[in-house]
Amino acid sequence: MTSDAVDPHRFPTNSDVENRLLTDPRFSWDGHCGGIMPVIVEFMIDGFHARFRARGSHWSVIVAVPGVIDPTNDDEEFFKIESHYAEWPAAGTMPATKALEFVEAAVNAFRQVRLLTI
């Protein structure tokens, strides 16, 4: 790997949140964290496909129905969490470090809900 190549196994922040996510054996990432209007992170959690999206004034994480690989389709959502972030259009330019904090919080919430339903 050349020195200017992007390591596909690392988020671009080197934050504590990033390191916790990447050492979680049940979390994996497709190599994309970022974008502008919207900010998107696609990942796998406990064998489920999931997608973080921040746009306008809100952010959300959708986890797809088991066996479905499109967490962008509301008809196929298995779990969803969303919240207000800031005034329009601040969510669409959210820093990656903040996006990862929300990803981690959503992963924890998803796991807590799953524990209640097993």
Protein backbone atom coordinates (compact mmCIF):
# COMPACT_ATOMS: atom_id res chain seq x y z
CA MET A 1 0.00 0.00 0.00
CA THR A 2 1.39 3.38 -0.92
CA SER A 3 1.55 6.12 1.67
CA ASP A 4 -1.26 8.10 0.00
CA ALA A 5 -3.61 5.08 -0.32
CA VAL A 6 -6.70 4.97 1.87
CA ASP A 7 -6.85 2.01 4.23
CA PRO A 8 -10.34 0.56 3.63
CA HIS A 9 -10.41 -0.83 7.17
CA ARG A 10 -10.11 2.56 8.88
CA PHE A 11 -12.51 5.41 9.29
CA PRO A 12 -10.89 8.77 8.63
CA THR A 13 -11.01 10.03 12.22
CA ASN A 14 -8.73 7.84 14.38
CA SER A 15 -11.08 8.72 17.25
CA ASP A 16 -11.86 6.60 20.31
CA VAL A 17 -15.33 5.92 18.88
CA GLU A 18 -13.82 4.75 15.60
CA ASN A 19 -11.43 2.44 17.42
CA ARG A 20 -14.23 0.94 19.54
CA LEU A 21 -16.33 0.28 16.44
CA LEU A 22 -13.47 -1.26 14.50
CA THR A 23 -12.50 -3.59 17.34
CA ASP A 24 -16.09 -4.83 17.67
CA PRO A 25 -16.10 -8.25 15.98
CA ARG A 26 -19.79 -7.91 15.09
CA PHE A 27 -19.34 -4.56 13.32
CA SER A 28 -17.95 -4.12 9.82
CA TRP A 29 -17.80 -1.21 7.44
CA ASP A 30 -17.97 -0.96 3.66
CA GLY A 31 -15.22 1.65 3.35
CA HIS A 32 -17.27 4.84 3.03
CA CYS A 33 -17.72 7.48 5.70
CA GLY A 34 -18.60 10.91 4.56
CA GLY A 35 -20.19 12.82 1.80
CA ILE A 36 -21.97 16.10 1.89
CA MET A 37 -25.72 16.53 1.91
CA PRO A 38 -26.15 13.73 2.90
CA VAL A 39 -23.43 12.27 5.07
CA ILE A 40 -23.62 8.46 4.75
CA VAL A 41 -22.03 5.51 6.53
CA GLU A 42 -23.02 2.00 5.42
CA PHE A 43 -22.10 -0.86 7.72
CA MET A 44 -22.95 -4.33 9.01
CA ILE A 45 -23.98 -4.95 12.60
CA ASP A 46 -24.58 -8.41 14.00
CA GLY A 47 -25.12 -9.71 10.46
CA PHE A 48 -27.61 -6.98 9.47
CA HIS A 49 -27.05 -4.34 6.82
CA ALA A 50 -27.38 -0.80 8.17
CA ARG A 51 -27.08 2.77 6.97
CA PHE A 52 -26.45 6.06 8.76
CA ARG A 53 -27.69 9.12 6.90
CA ALA A 54 -27.55 12.77 7.93
CA ARG A 55 -29.26 15.41 5.82
CA GLY A 56 -30.97 18.72 6.41
CA SER A 57 -31.61 18.94 10.13
CA HIS A 58 -31.82 15.23 11.06
CA TRP A 59 -29.86 11.99 11.14
CA SER A 60 -31.09 8.41 11.07
CA VAL A 61 -29.87 4.83 11.19
CA ILE A 62 -31.90 2.13 9.48
CA VAL A 63 -31.16 -1.56 9.90
CA ALA A 64 -32.57 -3.78 7.14
CA VAL A 65 -34.78 -6.81 7.57
CA PRO A 66 -32.63 -9.95 7.86
CA GLY A 67 -31.64 -11.22 4.41
CA VAL A 68 -32.38 -7.88 2.74
CA ILE A 69 -29.42 -5.78 1.68
CA ASP A 70 -31.11 -2.42 1.14
CA PRO A 71 -31.49 -0.45 4.37
CA THR A 72 -32.56 2.56 2.27
CA ASN A 73 -36.02 1.08 1.59
CA ASP A 74 -38.43 2.04 4.38
CA ASP A 75 -40.57 -1.01 3.58
CA GLU A 76 -37.65 -3.25 4.48
CA GLU A 77 -36.58 -1.59 7.71
CA PHE A 78 -36.18 -3.82 10.74
CA PHE A 79 -35.01 -1.10 13.13
CA LYS A 80 -34.86 2.66 12.79
CA ILE A 81 -33.64 5.43 15.02
CA GLU A 82 -33.63 9.10 14.08
CA SER A 83 -33.17 12.45 15.73
CA HIS A 84 -32.86 16.16 15.18
CA TYR A 85 -29.25 17.34 14.82
CA ALA A 86 -29.27 21.08 14.17
CA GLU A 87 -30.88 23.73 12.01
CA TRP A 88 -31.13 23.07 8.29
CA PRO A 89 -28.76 22.20 6.53
CA ALA A 90 -26.16 21.49 9.26
CA ALA A 91 -26.73 17.71 9.38
CA GLY A 92 -25.65 17.39 5.76
CA THR A 93 -22.20 18.71 6.61
CA MET A 94 -21.80 16.84 9.89
CA PRO A 95 -18.17 16.00 10.77
CA ALA A 96 -17.24 12.30 10.48
CA THR A 97 -16.41 12.20 14.19
CA LYS A 98 -19.96 13.23 15.08
CA ALA A 99 -21.45 10.79 12.56
CA LEU A 100 -19.49 7.96 14.17
CA GLU A 101 -20.78 8.95 17.61
CA PHE A 102 -24.33 8.58 16.30
CA VAL A 103 -23.45 5.27 14.60
CA GLU A 104 -22.11 3.93 17.88
CA ALA A 105 -25.19 5.12 19.80
CA ALA A 106 -27.48 3.52 17.22
CA VAL A 107 -25.55 0.24 17.35
CA ASN A 108 -25.95 0.19 21.14
CA ALA A 109 -29.67 1.01 20.90
CA PHE A 110 -30.21 -1.69 18.27
CA ARG A 111 -28.53 -4.28 20.46
CA GLN A 112 -30.57 -3.27 23.50
CA VAL A 113 -33.84 -3.57 21.57
CA ARG A 114 -32.78 -6.95 20.16
CA LEU A 115 -32.09 -8.21 23.69
CA LEU A 116 -35.67 -7.35 24.62
CA THR A 117 -37.10 -9.25 21.66
CA ILE A 118 -35.04 -12.45 21.84
